[in-house]
């Protein structure tokens, strides 16, 4: 598998995957460059959405597919935005509006703890009965004032107390080492090395 279709058109995710997979010499092709539209994500769990996205991209592109479903889960909101993270404030998708809504909902809450969660699925073909699945999480808390210019999504508001920084203030290499997506991808690669 030297060429994979990435079941995402998110430029931030594409950059992270390209960086993390570069040592393996894999060619990561975003689905949009192959004319593959985004899959529906109607499911209540990250793993079901990731499977649906990988299957859709693999079937349309005729290539092995890599998909992730990820989001931020706030403790005081019962895990929301969760699987709705990308469209939390509705369409069209907007990081700014999503962050505004999250901050507004947490304004009167004492518990600001949250975690990013990611499930990555690799399907060798669209009907792969044994997709490789890995997950990762990253704990932090939500701060009202955005900080930092790196990252994307909720990163400017995702504060890491032990580092004294938000995710958007981290260098890309440090973020990839610590992040939910980085952890999930390393677990996926470990499974592939074990012969999964």
N, C-alpha and C. Protein backbone atom coordinates (compact mmCIF):
# COMPACT_ATOMS: atom_id res chain seq x y z
N UNK A 1 0.84 -1.19 0.00
CA UNK A 1 0.00 0.00 0.00
C UNK A 1 0.87 1.24 0.00
N UNK A 2 1.30 1.64 -1.16
CA UNK A 2 2.11 2.84 -1.25
C UNK A 2 1.27 4.07 -1.57
N UNK A 3 0.03 3.86 -2.00
CA UNK A 3 -0.85 4.97 -2.32
C UNK A 3 -2.17 4.77 -1.59
N UNK A 4 -2.57 5.79 -0.86
CA UNK A 4 -3.81 5.75 -0.08
C UNK A 4 -4.64 6.97 -0.41
N UNK A 5 -5.96 6.79 -0.45
CA UNK A 5 -6.84 7.94 -0.55
C UNK A 5 -7.22 8.34 0.88
N UNK A 6 -7.10 9.63 1.18
CA UNK A 6 -7.50 10.15 2.48
C UNK A 6 -8.94 10.61 2.38
N UNK A 7 -9.79 9.99 3.18
CA UNK A 7 -11.22 10.30 3.13
C UNK A 7 -11.51 11.59 3.90
N UNK A 8 -10.88 12.66 3.42
CA UNK A 8 -11.10 13.98 4.01
C UNK A 8 -10.63 15.02 3.01
N UNK A 9 -11.23 16.18 3.08
CA UNK A 9 -10.78 17.31 2.27
C UNK A 9 -10.26 18.42 3.18
N UNK A 10 -10.13 18.11 4.47
CA UNK A 10 -9.68 19.08 5.46
C UNK A 10 -8.17 19.30 5.31
N UNK A 11 -7.74 20.52 4.92
CA UNK A 11 -6.31 20.74 4.70
C UNK A 11 -5.46 20.54 5.95
N UNK A 12 -6.01 20.83 7.13
CA UNK A 12 -5.27 20.62 8.37
C UNK A 12 -5.00 19.15 8.61
N UNK A 13 -6.01 18.33 8.41
CA UNK A 13 -5.83 16.88 8.57
C UNK A 13 -4.85 16.34 7.54
N UNK A 14 -4.97 16.81 6.30
CA UNK A 14 -4.08 16.34 5.24
C UNK A 14 -2.62 16.63 5.61
N UNK A 15 -2.34 17.83 6.09
CA UNK A 15 -0.97 18.18 6.50
C UNK A 15 -0.48 17.25 7.60
N UNK A 16 -1.34 17.01 8.61
CA UNK A 16 -0.93 16.16 9.72
C UNK A 16 -0.66 14.73 9.25
N UNK A 17 -1.53 14.18 8.43
CA UNK A 17 -1.33 12.81 7.94
C UNK A 17 -0.08 12.71 7.06
N UNK A 18 0.13 13.69 6.19
CA UNK A 18 1.31 13.66 5.32
C UNK A 18 2.59 13.66 6.15
N UNK A 19 2.61 14.49 7.19
CA UNK A 19 3.79 14.57 8.06
C UNK A 19 4.00 13.26 8.81
N UNK A 20 2.93 12.71 9.37
CA UNK A 20 3.04 11.50 10.17
C UNK A 20 3.37 10.26 9.33
N UNK A 21 2.92 10.23 8.08
CA UNK A 21 3.15 9.06 7.23
C UNK A 21 4.37 9.21 6.31
N UNK A 22 4.98 10.39 6.29
CA UNK A 22 6.12 10.63 5.41
C UNK A 22 7.24 9.60 5.56
N UNK A 23 7.58 9.18 6.80
CA UNK A 23 8.67 8.21 6.94
C UNK A 23 8.40 6.88 6.25
N UNK A 24 7.15 6.55 5.99
CA UNK A 24 6.81 5.28 5.35
C UNK A 24 6.81 5.38 3.83
N UNK A 25 6.99 6.59 3.33
CA UNK A 25 7.01 6.76 1.88
C UNK A 25 5.65 6.55 1.22
N UNK A 26 4.58 6.75 1.98
CA UNK A 26 3.23 6.57 1.43
C UNK A 26 2.77 7.84 0.73
N UNK A 27 2.13 7.66 -0.38
CA UNK A 27 1.55 8.77 -1.14
C UNK A 27 0.11 8.94 -0.68
N UNK A 28 -0.18 10.04 0.01
CA UNK A 28 -1.52 10.30 0.53
C UNK A 28 -2.23 11.25 -0.43
N UNK A 29 -3.33 10.80 -1.00
CA UNK A 29 -4.06 11.58 -1.98
C UNK A 29 -5.41 12.00 -1.37
N UNK A 30 -5.68 13.29 -1.26
CA UNK A 30 -6.98 13.70 -0.73
C UNK A 30 -8.10 13.30 -1.69
N UNK A 31 -9.21 12.87 -1.13
CA UNK A 31 -10.30 12.38 -1.96
C UNK A 31 -10.80 13.42 -2.96
N UNK A 32 -10.73 14.70 -2.60
CA UNK A 32 -11.23 15.74 -3.49
C UNK A 32 -10.44 15.79 -4.80
N UNK A 33 -9.14 15.45 -4.74
CA UNK A 33 -8.32 15.49 -5.96
C UNK A 33 -8.69 14.35 -6.91
N UNK A 34 -9.43 13.37 -6.42
CA UNK A 34 -9.89 12.25 -7.25
C UNK A 34 -11.37 12.38 -7.61
N UNK A 35 -11.95 13.51 -7.26
CA UNK A 35 -13.36 13.72 -7.56
C UNK A 35 -14.30 12.97 -6.64
N UNK A 36 -13.80 12.52 -5.49
CA UNK A 36 -14.63 11.79 -4.53
C UNK A 36 -15.29 12.80 -3.59
N UNK A 37 -16.60 12.74 -3.51
CA UNK A 37 -17.34 13.64 -2.62
C UNK A 37 -17.26 13.14 -1.18
N UNK A 38 -17.61 14.00 -0.26
CA UNK A 38 -17.59 13.60 1.14
C UNK A 38 -18.73 12.63 1.42
N UNK A 39 -18.44 11.66 2.29
CA UNK A 39 -19.46 10.67 2.68
C UNK A 39 -20.40 11.28 3.71
N UNK A 40 -21.56 10.71 3.80
CA UNK A 40 -22.49 11.09 4.88
C UNK A 40 -21.90 10.60 6.20
N UNK A 41 -22.16 11.34 7.27
CA UNK A 41 -21.68 10.95 8.60
C UNK A 41 -22.86 10.95 9.57
N UNK A 42 -23.80 10.03 9.38
CA UNK A 42 -25.03 10.07 10.17
C UNK A 42 -24.95 9.35 11.52
N UNK A 43 -23.82 8.74 11.80
CA UNK A 43 -23.75 7.84 12.95
C UNK A 43 -23.49 8.56 14.27
N UNK A 44 -23.82 7.88 15.35
CA UNK A 44 -23.69 8.45 16.68
C UNK A 44 -22.31 8.21 17.29
N UNK A 45 -21.47 7.39 16.62
CA UNK A 45 -20.14 7.11 17.16
C UNK A 45 -19.06 7.44 16.15
N UNK A 46 -17.89 7.77 16.67
CA UNK A 46 -16.75 8.10 15.82
C UNK A 46 -16.36 6.91 14.93
N UNK A 47 -16.35 5.71 15.50
CA UNK A 47 -15.89 4.55 14.73
C UNK A 47 -16.81 4.24 13.56
N UNK A 48 -18.12 4.38 13.75
CA UNK A 48 -19.05 4.12 12.65
C UNK A 48 -18.87 5.14 11.52
N UNK A 49 -18.68 6.40 11.89
CA UNK A 49 -18.47 7.43 10.87
C UNK A 49 -17.15 7.22 10.12
N UNK A 50 -16.09 6.86 10.85
CA UNK A 50 -14.80 6.62 10.19
C UNK A 50 -14.90 5.45 9.22
N UNK A 51 -15.59 4.39 9.61
CA UNK A 51 -15.77 3.24 8.71
C UNK A 51 -16.55 3.65 7.46
N UNK A 52 -17.61 4.42 7.64
CA UNK A 52 -18.42 4.86 6.51
C UNK A 52 -17.59 5.71 5.55
N UNK A 53 -16.76 6.61 6.09
CA UNK A 53 -15.95 7.48 5.24
C UNK A 53 -14.88 6.69 4.48
N UNK A 54 -14.23 5.74 5.17
CA UNK A 54 -13.19 4.94 4.51
C UNK A 54 -13.78 4.07 3.41
N UNK A 55 -14.90 3.45 3.70
CA UNK A 55 -15.55 2.57 2.71
C UNK A 55 -15.97 3.36 1.47
N UNK A 56 -16.55 4.53 1.69
CA UNK A 56 -17.00 5.40 0.61
C UNK A 56 -15.82 5.81 -0.27
N UNK A 57 -14.74 6.30 0.35
CA UNK A 57 -13.57 6.77 -0.41
C UNK A 57 -12.91 5.63 -1.16
N UNK A 58 -12.78 4.47 -0.53
CA UNK A 58 -12.14 3.34 -1.18
C UNK A 58 -12.95 2.86 -2.39
N UNK A 59 -14.26 2.80 -2.21
CA UNK A 59 -15.12 2.33 -3.30
C UNK A 59 -15.06 3.30 -4.49
N UNK A 60 -15.11 4.61 -4.21
CA UNK A 60 -15.12 5.59 -5.29
C UNK A 60 -13.76 5.73 -5.97
N UNK A 61 -12.67 5.61 -5.19
CA UNK A 61 -11.33 5.83 -5.74
C UNK A 61 -10.67 4.55 -6.24
N UNK A 62 -11.15 3.39 -5.78
CA UNK A 62 -10.52 2.14 -6.16
C UNK A 62 -9.14 1.98 -5.54
N UNK A 63 -8.95 2.58 -4.37
CA UNK A 63 -7.66 2.53 -3.67
C UNK A 63 -7.89 2.17 -2.21
N UNK A 64 -6.85 1.72 -1.51
CA UNK A 64 -6.96 1.62 -0.06
C UNK A 64 -7.29 3.00 0.50
N UNK A 65 -8.04 3.03 1.57
CA UNK A 65 -8.47 4.33 2.10
C UNK A 65 -8.16 4.46 3.59
N UNK A 66 -7.80 5.68 3.94
CA UNK A 66 -7.54 6.03 5.33
C UNK A 66 -8.56 7.09 5.71
N UNK A 67 -9.26 6.88 6.80
CA UNK A 67 -10.25 7.85 7.26
C UNK A 67 -10.12 8.03 8.76
N UNK A 68 -10.41 9.22 9.21
CA UNK A 68 -10.51 9.41 10.64
C UNK A 68 -11.81 10.13 10.93
N UNK A 69 -12.32 9.89 12.10
CA UNK A 69 -13.40 10.72 12.60
C UNK A 69 -12.92 11.17 13.95
N UNK A 70 -12.97 12.45 14.16
CA UNK A 70 -12.44 13.00 15.40
C UNK A 70 -13.25 14.21 15.81
N UNK A 71 -13.09 14.57 17.05
CA UNK A 71 -13.80 15.73 17.55
C UNK A 71 -13.40 16.02 18.97
N UNK A 72 -14.02 17.04 19.50
CA UNK A 72 -13.74 17.44 20.87
C UNK A 72 -14.98 17.13 21.72
N UNK A 73 -14.73 16.63 22.91
CA UNK A 73 -15.81 16.22 23.81
C UNK A 73 -15.65 16.96 25.13
N UNK A 74 -16.63 17.81 25.44
CA UNK A 74 -16.59 18.59 26.68
C UNK A 74 -17.33 17.85 27.78
N UNK A 75 -16.68 17.69 28.91
CA UNK A 75 -17.26 16.92 30.03
C UNK A 75 -18.58 17.53 30.49
N UNK A 76 -18.64 18.85 30.64
CA UNK A 76 -19.84 19.51 31.16
C UNK A 76 -21.00 19.47 30.18
N UNK A 77 -20.73 19.13 28.92
CA UNK A 77 -21.79 19.08 27.90
C UNK A 77 -22.14 17.65 27.53
N UNK A 78 -21.80 16.71 28.39
CA UNK A 78 -22.14 15.32 28.14
C UNK A 78 -21.44 14.73 26.92
N UNK A 79 -20.25 15.27 26.60
CA UNK A 79 -19.50 14.75 25.46
C UNK A 79 -19.69 15.52 24.17
N UNK A 80 -20.58 16.50 24.16
CA UNK A 80 -20.75 17.33 22.96
C UNK A 80 -19.56 18.28 22.83
N UNK A 81 -19.22 18.74 21.66
CA UNK A 81 -19.83 18.50 20.37
C UNK A 81 -19.63 17.09 19.81
N UNK A 82 -18.60 16.36 20.27
CA UNK A 82 -18.42 14.97 19.85
C UNK A 82 -18.40 14.79 18.35
N UNK A 83 -19.23 13.86 17.86
CA UNK A 83 -19.24 13.57 16.42
C UNK A 83 -19.77 14.76 15.60
N UNK A 84 -20.33 15.75 16.28
CA UNK A 84 -20.85 16.94 15.58
C UNK A 84 -19.84 18.08 15.55
N UNK A 85 -18.61 17.83 15.96
CA UNK A 85 -17.62 18.91 16.12
C UNK A 85 -17.43 19.78 14.88
N UNK A 86 -17.34 19.17 13.71
CA UNK A 86 -17.07 19.94 12.49
C UNK A 86 -18.23 20.84 12.09
N UNK A 87 -19.44 20.42 12.45
CA UNK A 87 -20.65 21.17 12.05
C UNK A 87 -21.46 21.63 13.27
N UNK A 88 -20.77 21.85 14.38
CA UNK A 88 -21.43 22.14 15.64
C UNK A 88 -22.34 23.35 15.54
N UNK A 89 -21.93 24.38 14.80
CA UNK A 89 -22.72 25.60 14.65
C UNK A 89 -23.50 25.60 13.33
N UNK A 90 -23.62 24.44 12.69
CA UNK A 90 -24.39 24.34 11.45
C UNK A 90 -23.56 24.54 10.20
N UNK A 91 -24.25 24.59 9.08
CA UNK A 91 -23.60 24.78 7.78
C UNK A 91 -23.68 26.25 7.38
N UNK A 92 -22.75 26.75 6.60
CA UNK A 92 -21.52 26.07 6.21
C UNK A 92 -20.59 25.95 7.41
N UNK A 93 -19.71 24.95 7.36
CA UNK A 93 -18.79 24.70 8.46
C UNK A 93 -17.93 25.93 8.72
N UNK A 94 -17.73 26.22 10.00
CA UNK A 94 -16.93 27.39 10.37
C UNK A 94 -16.26 27.14 11.71
N UNK A 95 -14.93 27.12 11.72
CA UNK A 95 -14.21 26.96 12.98
C UNK A 95 -14.57 28.08 13.94
N UNK A 96 -14.65 29.30 13.43
CA UNK A 96 -14.95 30.46 14.29
C UNK A 96 -16.32 30.32 14.96
N UNK A 97 -17.34 29.97 14.18
CA UNK A 97 -18.69 29.84 14.75
C UNK A 97 -18.77 28.63 15.69
N UNK A 98 -18.09 27.54 15.35
CA UNK A 98 -18.07 26.36 16.22
C UNK A 98 -17.47 26.71 17.58
N UNK A 99 -16.35 27.44 17.55
CA UNK A 99 -15.71 27.84 18.79
C UNK A 99 -16.59 28.79 19.60
N UNK A 100 -17.23 29.73 18.92
CA UNK A 100 -18.13 30.66 19.61
C UNK A 100 -19.24 29.91 20.33
N UNK A 101 -19.81 28.93 19.66
CA UNK A 101 -20.91 28.17 20.27
C UNK A 101 -20.41 27.38 21.48
N UNK A 102 -19.25 26.74 21.34
CA UNK A 102 -18.70 25.96 22.46
C UNK A 102 -18.43 26.86 23.66
N UNK A 103 -17.80 28.00 23.42
CA UNK A 103 -17.48 28.93 24.51
C UNK A 103 -18.76 29.44 25.18
N UNK A 104 -19.77 29.74 24.38
CA UNK A 104 -21.05 30.23 24.94
C UNK A 104 -21.71 29.16 25.81
N UNK A 105 -21.69 27.91 25.36
CA UNK A 105 -22.33 26.84 26.13
C UNK A 105 -21.59 26.54 27.44
N UNK A 106 -20.29 26.82 27.46
CA UNK A 106 -19.50 26.55 28.66
C UNK A 106 -19.39 27.77 29.58
N UNK A 107 -19.95 28.90 29.16
CA UNK A 107 -19.76 30.16 29.89
C UNK A 107 -20.16 30.07 31.36
N UNK A 108 -21.23 29.35 31.68
CA UNK A 108 -21.67 29.27 33.07
C UNK A 108 -21.30 27.94 33.74
N UNK A 109 -20.38 27.21 33.12
CA UNK A 109 -19.97 25.90 33.67
C UNK A 109 -18.63 26.03 34.39
N UNK A 110 -18.53 25.36 35.53
CA UNK A 110 -17.26 25.35 36.26
C UNK A 110 -16.29 24.34 35.66
N UNK A 111 -16.83 23.24 35.17
CA UNK A 111 -16.00 22.17 34.62
C UNK A 111 -15.66 22.49 33.16
N UNK A 112 -14.41 22.82 32.90
CA UNK A 112 -13.99 23.17 31.54
C UNK A 112 -13.18 22.04 30.89
N UNK A 113 -13.16 20.87 31.54
CA UNK A 113 -12.37 19.76 30.98
C UNK A 113 -12.97 19.27 29.67
N UNK A 114 -12.07 18.91 28.77
CA UNK A 114 -12.48 18.39 27.47
C UNK A 114 -11.37 17.48 26.96
N UNK A 115 -11.70 16.67 26.00
CA UNK A 115 -10.65 15.89 25.35
C UNK A 115 -10.97 15.76 23.87
N UNK A 116 -9.91 15.74 23.10
CA UNK A 116 -10.02 15.40 21.69
C UNK A 116 -10.02 13.88 21.60
N UNK A 117 -10.78 13.36 20.66
CA UNK A 117 -10.84 11.91 20.45
C UNK A 117 -10.75 11.64 18.95
N UNK A 118 -10.05 10.59 18.58
CA UNK A 118 -9.86 10.27 17.17
C UNK A 118 -9.92 8.76 16.96
N UNK A 119 -10.63 8.36 15.94
CA UNK A 119 -10.59 6.97 15.46
C UNK A 119 -10.09 7.01 14.02
N UNK A 120 -9.08 6.21 13.73
CA UNK A 120 -8.56 6.10 12.37
C UNK A 120 -8.85 4.69 11.86
N UNK A 121 -9.32 4.64 10.63
CA UNK A 121 -9.65 3.36 9.98
C UNK A 121 -8.87 3.27 8.68
N UNK A 122 -8.26 2.11 8.46
CA UNK A 122 -7.61 1.82 7.19
C UNK A 122 -8.32 0.63 6.56
N UNK A 123 -8.82 0.83 5.35
CA UNK A 123 -9.47 -0.25 4.61
C UNK A 123 -8.63 -0.53 3.36
N UNK A 124 -8.24 -1.78 3.19
CA UNK A 124 -7.41 -2.17 2.05
C UNK A 124 -8.21 -2.10 0.75
N UNK A 125 -9.52 -2.32 0.86
CA UNK A 125 -10.45 -2.19 -0.26
C UNK A 125 -11.83 -1.94 0.34
N UNK A 126 -12.78 -1.57 -0.48
CA UNK A 126 -14.09 -1.13 0.02
C UNK A 126 -14.85 -2.20 0.80
N UNK A 127 -14.59 -3.46 0.49
CA UNK A 127 -15.30 -4.54 1.19
C UNK A 127 -14.40 -5.27 2.18
N UNK A 128 -13.35 -4.60 2.64
CA UNK A 128 -12.41 -5.19 3.59
C UNK A 128 -13.14 -5.66 4.85
N UNK A 129 -13.14 -6.98 5.14
CA UNK A 129 -13.84 -7.46 6.32
C UNK A 129 -13.03 -7.26 7.61
N UNK A 130 -11.76 -6.88 7.45
CA UNK A 130 -10.90 -6.69 8.62
C UNK A 130 -10.22 -5.31 8.57
N UNK A 131 -10.99 -4.24 8.63
CA UNK A 131 -10.36 -2.93 8.62
C UNK A 131 -9.47 -2.78 9.85
N UNK A 132 -8.38 -2.05 9.69
CA UNK A 132 -7.49 -1.79 10.82
C UNK A 132 -8.00 -0.52 11.50
N UNK A 133 -8.26 -0.62 12.80
CA UNK A 133 -8.86 0.48 13.55
C UNK A 133 -7.99 0.84 14.74
N UNK A 134 -7.73 2.12 14.93
CA UNK A 134 -6.96 2.58 16.08
C UNK A 134 -7.58 3.86 16.61
N UNK A 135 -7.34 4.13 17.88
CA UNK A 135 -7.93 5.32 18.49
C UNK A 135 -6.91 6.04 19.37
N UNK A 136 -7.20 7.29 19.64
CA UNK A 136 -6.35 8.07 20.53
C UNK A 136 -7.15 9.21 21.14
N UNK A 137 -6.73 9.65 22.32
CA UNK A 137 -7.39 10.79 22.95
C UNK A 137 -6.33 11.73 23.53
N UNK A 138 -6.75 12.96 23.79
CA UNK A 138 -5.84 14.01 24.24
C UNK A 138 -6.61 14.91 25.19
N UNK A 139 -6.22 14.92 26.46
CA UNK A 139 -6.96 15.65 27.48
C UNK A 139 -6.47 17.09 27.64
N UNK A 140 -7.42 17.97 27.89
CA UNK A 140 -7.10 19.38 28.12
C UNK A 140 -8.31 20.07 28.73
N UNK A 141 -8.39 21.37 28.54
CA UNK A 141 -9.55 22.12 29.01
C UNK A 141 -9.81 23.27 28.04
N UNK A 142 -11.02 23.78 28.07
CA UNK A 142 -11.42 24.84 27.16
C UNK A 142 -11.23 26.19 27.83
N UNK A 143 -10.52 27.09 27.13
CA UNK A 143 -10.35 28.45 27.62
C UNK A 143 -11.14 29.40 26.71
N UNK A 144 -11.67 30.46 27.30
CA UNK A 144 -12.53 31.38 26.55
C UNK A 144 -11.76 32.20 25.52
N UNK A 145 -10.54 32.62 25.87
CA UNK A 145 -9.76 33.46 24.96
C UNK A 145 -8.87 32.62 24.07
N UNK A 146 -8.99 32.77 22.74
CA UNK A 146 -8.14 31.98 21.84
C UNK A 146 -6.68 32.41 21.94
N UNK A 147 -5.79 31.43 21.80
CA UNK A 147 -4.36 31.71 21.82
C UNK A 147 -3.68 30.86 20.75
N UNK A 148 -2.76 31.47 20.02
CA UNK A 148 -1.97 30.74 19.05
C UNK A 148 -2.53 30.81 17.64
N UNK A 149 -1.64 30.61 16.67
CA UNK A 149 -2.04 30.72 15.27
C UNK A 149 -1.84 29.43 14.49
N UNK A 150 -1.33 28.38 15.16
CA UNK A 150 -1.15 27.10 14.48
C UNK A 150 -2.38 26.23 14.70
N UNK A 151 -2.38 25.08 14.07
CA UNK A 151 -3.49 24.16 14.26
C UNK A 151 -4.74 24.61 13.54
N UNK A 152 -5.86 23.98 13.90
CA UNK A 152 -7.14 24.29 13.27
C UNK A 152 -8.25 23.84 14.21
N UNK A 153 -9.48 24.07 13.81
CA UNK A 153 -10.60 23.63 14.63
C UNK A 153 -10.63 24.34 15.98
N UNK A 154 -10.69 23.55 17.04
CA UNK A 154 -10.81 24.09 18.40
C UNK A 154 -9.45 24.34 19.05
N UNK A 155 -8.37 24.13 18.31
CA UNK A 155 -7.02 24.22 18.88
C UNK A 155 -6.72 25.51 19.64
N UNK A 156 -7.17 26.71 19.16
CA UNK A 156 -6.84 27.93 19.91
C UNK A 156 -7.48 28.00 21.30
N UNK A 157 -8.50 27.19 21.54
CA UNK A 157 -9.21 27.18 22.83
C UNK A 157 -8.90 25.94 23.67
N UNK A 158 -8.10 25.02 23.12
CA UNK A 158 -7.80 23.75 23.80
C UNK A 158 -6.50 23.91 24.58
N UNK A 159 -6.64 24.13 25.89
CA UNK A 159 -5.50 24.48 26.74
C UNK A 159 -4.93 23.23 27.42
N UNK A 160 -3.61 23.17 27.37
CA UNK A 160 -2.86 22.06 27.97
C UNK A 160 -2.16 22.59 29.21
N UNK A 161 -2.74 22.32 30.37
CA UNK A 161 -2.26 22.93 31.61
C UNK A 161 -0.80 22.59 31.90
N UNK A 162 -0.38 21.36 31.65
CA UNK A 162 1.00 20.97 31.96
C UNK A 162 2.02 21.70 31.09
N UNK A 163 1.60 22.17 29.91
CA UNK A 163 2.50 22.92 29.03
C UNK A 163 2.29 24.42 29.11
N UNK A 164 1.14 24.83 29.66
CA UNK A 164 0.82 26.25 29.73
C UNK A 164 0.54 26.86 28.37
N UNK A 165 0.10 26.03 27.42
CA UNK A 165 -0.16 26.48 26.05
C UNK A 165 -1.44 25.86 25.53
N UNK A 166 -1.99 26.50 24.51
CA UNK A 166 -3.09 25.86 23.78
C UNK A 166 -2.47 25.00 22.67
N UNK A 167 -3.29 24.14 22.09
CA UNK A 167 -2.81 23.31 20.99
C UNK A 167 -2.36 24.16 19.81
N UNK A 168 -2.95 25.34 19.66
CA UNK A 168 -2.59 26.23 18.55
C UNK A 168 -1.27 26.95 18.79
N UNK A 169 -0.71 26.82 19.99
CA UNK A 169 0.59 27.43 20.28
C UNK A 169 1.74 26.44 20.15
N UNK A 170 1.43 25.21 19.87
CA UNK A 170 2.46 24.18 19.75
C UNK A 170 3.07 24.17 18.35
N UNK A 171 4.33 23.78 18.29
CA UNK A 171 4.95 23.52 16.99
C UNK A 171 4.31 22.26 16.42
N UNK A 172 4.20 22.16 15.09
CA UNK A 172 3.55 20.98 14.49
C UNK A 172 4.13 19.65 14.96
N UNK A 173 5.46 19.58 15.12
CA UNK A 173 6.09 18.32 15.55
C UNK A 173 5.64 17.93 16.96
N UNK A 174 5.55 18.94 17.85
CA UNK A 174 5.12 18.67 19.21
C UNK A 174 3.65 18.27 19.24
N UNK A 175 2.83 18.96 18.44
CA UNK A 175 1.42 18.62 18.39
C UNK A 175 1.23 17.18 17.89
N UNK A 176 1.95 16.81 16.84
CA UNK A 176 1.81 15.45 16.29
C UNK A 176 2.23 14.39 17.30
N UNK A 177 3.16 14.73 18.18
CA UNK A 177 3.61 13.79 19.19
C UNK A 177 2.55 13.59 20.27
N UNK A 178 1.86 14.66 20.63
CA UNK A 178 0.92 14.64 21.75
C UNK A 178 -0.54 14.38 21.36
N UNK A 179 -0.91 14.73 20.14
CA UNK A 179 -2.32 14.80 19.77
C UNK A 179 -3.02 13.45 19.68
N UNK A 180 -4.33 13.53 19.76
CA UNK A 180 -5.21 12.37 19.58
C UNK A 180 -4.96 11.69 18.24
N UNK A 181 -4.79 12.49 17.18
CA UNK A 181 -4.58 11.95 15.84
C UNK A 181 -3.21 11.29 15.73
N UNK A 182 -2.20 11.94 16.32
CA UNK A 182 -0.86 11.37 16.31
C UNK A 182 -0.81 10.04 17.05
N UNK A 183 -1.47 9.98 18.21
CA UNK A 183 -1.51 8.73 18.99
C UNK A 183 -2.22 7.63 18.21
N UNK A 184 -3.37 7.97 17.63
CA UNK A 184 -4.14 6.97 16.88
C UNK A 184 -3.35 6.46 15.68
N UNK A 185 -2.68 7.37 14.98
CA UNK A 185 -1.94 6.95 13.79
C UNK A 185 -0.75 6.08 14.16
N UNK A 186 -0.05 6.41 15.25
CA UNK A 186 1.07 5.55 15.68
C UNK A 186 0.56 4.17 16.07
N UNK A 187 -0.60 4.11 16.70
CA UNK A 187 -1.18 2.79 17.04
C UNK A 187 -1.57 2.02 15.79
N UNK A 188 -2.09 2.72 14.79
CA UNK A 188 -2.44 2.09 13.53
C UNK A 188 -1.18 1.53 12.85
N UNK A 189 -0.12 2.33 12.81
CA UNK A 189 1.12 1.88 12.18
C UNK A 189 1.71 0.69 12.92
N UNK A 190 1.59 0.68 14.25
CA UNK A 190 2.08 -0.46 15.04
C UNK A 190 1.31 -1.73 14.67
N UNK A 191 0.00 -1.59 14.50
CA UNK A 191 -0.82 -2.74 14.11
C UNK A 191 -0.41 -3.26 12.72
N UNK A 192 -0.11 -2.33 11.80
CA UNK A 192 0.30 -2.73 10.45
C UNK A 192 1.63 -3.47 10.50
N UNK A 193 2.54 -3.01 11.36
CA UNK A 193 3.84 -3.67 11.48
C UNK A 193 3.70 -5.06 12.06
N UNK A 194 2.67 -5.25 12.89
CA UNK A 194 2.42 -6.56 13.49
C UNK A 194 1.74 -7.50 12.49
N UNK A 195 1.43 -6.98 11.31
CA UNK A 195 0.82 -7.82 10.28
C UNK A 195 -0.68 -7.72 10.18
N UNK A 196 -1.26 -6.67 10.79
CA UNK A 196 -2.73 -6.50 10.72
C UNK A 196 -3.18 -6.25 9.29
